[in-house]
Amino acid sequence: MRRELILSNLRIELRRKQASYLSEKRALSFVNDFLNKMSIVHSSQIRTWQKEFFLSELERNIDCSKEDLLQAKSALTFLYNIVLKKGRGIDFTGSDDESNADPGILKITG
């Protein structure tokens, strides 16, 4: 899913959860910053480590408060779990049994 569709789906899911306007605006801002910093243009480029890296960069930022950090973490968790349904994507585990793979996951074995 392209970047514009990621942001659009995030907006739709936030409205479905009845988030306030300010919460929606803030979450979209954090996710947009995340996509910009990680140079992500498609959802297939998103990896789990990128979320931790982005949050650690925010934590090091002097201008970022604890509240901002918690809001960014919530926004990214919502993005990964609800919008992207992170069960899909590429799993780099060395699982030998390909028949156990969940549908939608590409297994890369060594």
Protein backbone atom coordinates (compact mmCIF):
# COMPACT_ATOMS: atom_id res chain seq x y z
CA MET A 1 0.00 0.00 0.00
CA ARG A 2 1.36 3.38 -1.01
CA ARG A 3 2.18 6.12 1.48
CA GLU A 4 -0.96 8.16 0.72
CA LEU A 5 -3.13 5.08 1.26
CA ILE A 6 -1.35 4.30 4.56
CA LEU A 7 -2.18 7.79 5.86
CA SER A 8 -5.73 7.62 4.51
CA ASN A 9 -6.34 4.21 6.15
CA LEU A 10 -4.87 5.51 9.39
CA ARG A 11 -7.27 8.44 9.31
CA ILE A 12 -10.22 6.13 8.63
CA GLU A 13 -9.29 3.74 11.47
CA LEU A 14 -8.80 6.61 13.92
CA ARG A 15 -12.23 7.96 13.04
CA ARG A 16 -13.70 4.49 13.38
CA LYS A 17 -12.25 4.35 16.91
CA GLN A 18 -13.79 7.79 17.52
CA ALA A 19 -10.51 9.52 18.29
CA SER A 20 -10.70 13.26 18.86
CA TYR A 21 -9.68 15.65 16.11
CA LEU A 22 -6.50 16.66 17.96
CA SER A 23 -5.54 13.01 18.57
CA GLU A 24 -6.09 12.23 14.89
CA LYS A 25 -4.04 15.23 13.81
CA ARG A 26 -1.22 14.34 16.22
CA ALA A 27 -1.14 10.66 15.20
CA LEU A 28 -1.06 11.57 11.52
CA SER A 29 1.78 13.98 12.19
CA PHE A 30 3.87 11.33 14.00
CA VAL A 31 3.21 8.67 11.36
CA ASN A 32 4.03 11.12 8.57
CA ASP A 33 7.30 12.03 10.32
CA PHE A 34 8.05 8.32 10.72
CA LEU A 35 7.45 7.64 7.02
CA ASN A 36 9.60 10.64 6.06
CA LYS A 37 12.54 9.79 8.33
CA MET A 38 12.57 6.15 7.24
CA SER A 39 12.11 7.11 3.54
CA ILE A 40 9.12 4.78 3.26
CA VAL A 41 6.96 5.04 0.15
CA HIS A 42 5.26 1.62 0.34
CA SER A 43 4.07 -0.55 3.23
CA SER A 44 6.25 -3.43 2.05
CA GLN A 45 9.29 -1.39 3.16
CA ILE A 46 8.15 -1.14 6.79
CA ARG A 47 9.99 -3.34 9.29
CA THR A 48 9.49 -3.73 13.03
CA TRP A 49 12.96 -2.42 13.92
CA GLN A 50 12.17 0.91 12.25
CA LYS A 51 9.56 1.72 14.89
CA GLU A 52 12.08 1.17 17.70
CA PHE A 53 14.73 3.18 15.86
CA PHE A 54 12.35 6.11 15.29
CA LEU A 55 11.24 6.12 18.93
CA SER A 56 14.84 6.01 20.18
CA GLU A 57 15.67 8.99 17.95
CA LEU A 58 12.71 10.88 19.41
CA GLU A 59 13.84 10.00 22.92
CA ARG A 60 17.28 11.48 22.23
CA ASN A 61 15.73 14.69 20.92
CA ILE A 62 15.93 17.38 23.59
CA ASP A 63 12.77 19.13 22.36
CA CYS A 64 10.63 16.00 22.62
CA SER A 65 8.67 15.62 25.86
CA LYS A 66 7.64 12.36 27.50
CA GLU A 67 4.04 12.98 26.44
CA ASP A 68 5.13 13.36 22.81
CA LEU A 69 7.12 10.16 23.05
CA LEU A 70 4.12 8.26 24.43
CA GLN A 71 1.85 9.68 21.75
CA ALA A 72 4.33 8.70 19.03
CA LYS A 73 4.59 5.19 20.44
CA SER A 74 0.80 4.88 20.54
CA ALA A 75 0.44 6.19 16.99
CA LEU A 76 3.04 3.78 15.61
CA THR A 77 1.62 0.84 17.55
CA PHE A 78 -1.82 1.66 16.15
CA LEU A 79 -0.33 1.89 12.66
CA TYR A 80 1.42 -1.49 12.94
CA ASN A 81 -1.38 -3.42 14.66
CA ILE A 82 -4.59 -1.94 13.24
CA VAL A 83 -3.78 -0.31 9.91
CA LEU A 84 -1.01 -2.56 8.57
CA LYS A 85 -2.09 -5.74 10.39
CA LYS A 86 1.57 -6.59 10.87
CA GLY A 87 0.91 -10.33 10.40
CA ARG A 88 1.58 -9.59 6.76
CA GLY A 89 4.98 -8.83 5.37
CA ILE A 90 8.33 -10.56 5.31
CA ASP A 91 9.38 -12.79 8.17
CA PHE A 92 13.14 -13.31 8.36
CA THR A 93 12.99 -16.16 10.87
CA GLY A 94 14.80 -19.35 9.97
CA SER A 95 11.73 -21.58 10.25
CA ASP A 96 12.32 -24.89 8.48
CA ASP A 97 8.66 -25.89 8.16
CA GLU A 98 7.11 -23.83 5.39
CA SER A 99 3.72 -25.50 5.84
CA ASN A 100 3.35 -23.66 9.19
CA ALA A 101 3.60 -20.26 7.51
CA ASP A 102 0.64 -17.97 7.94
CA PRO A 103 -1.04 -16.90 4.71
CA GLY A 104 0.37 -13.63 3.45
CA ILE A 105 3.83 -14.10 4.97
CA LEU A 106 6.78 -14.68 2.71
CA LYS A 107 9.24 -16.96 4.48
CA ILE A 108 12.90 -16.52 3.65
CA THR A 109 14.82 -19.57 4.74
CA GLY A 110 18.56 -20.10 4.74
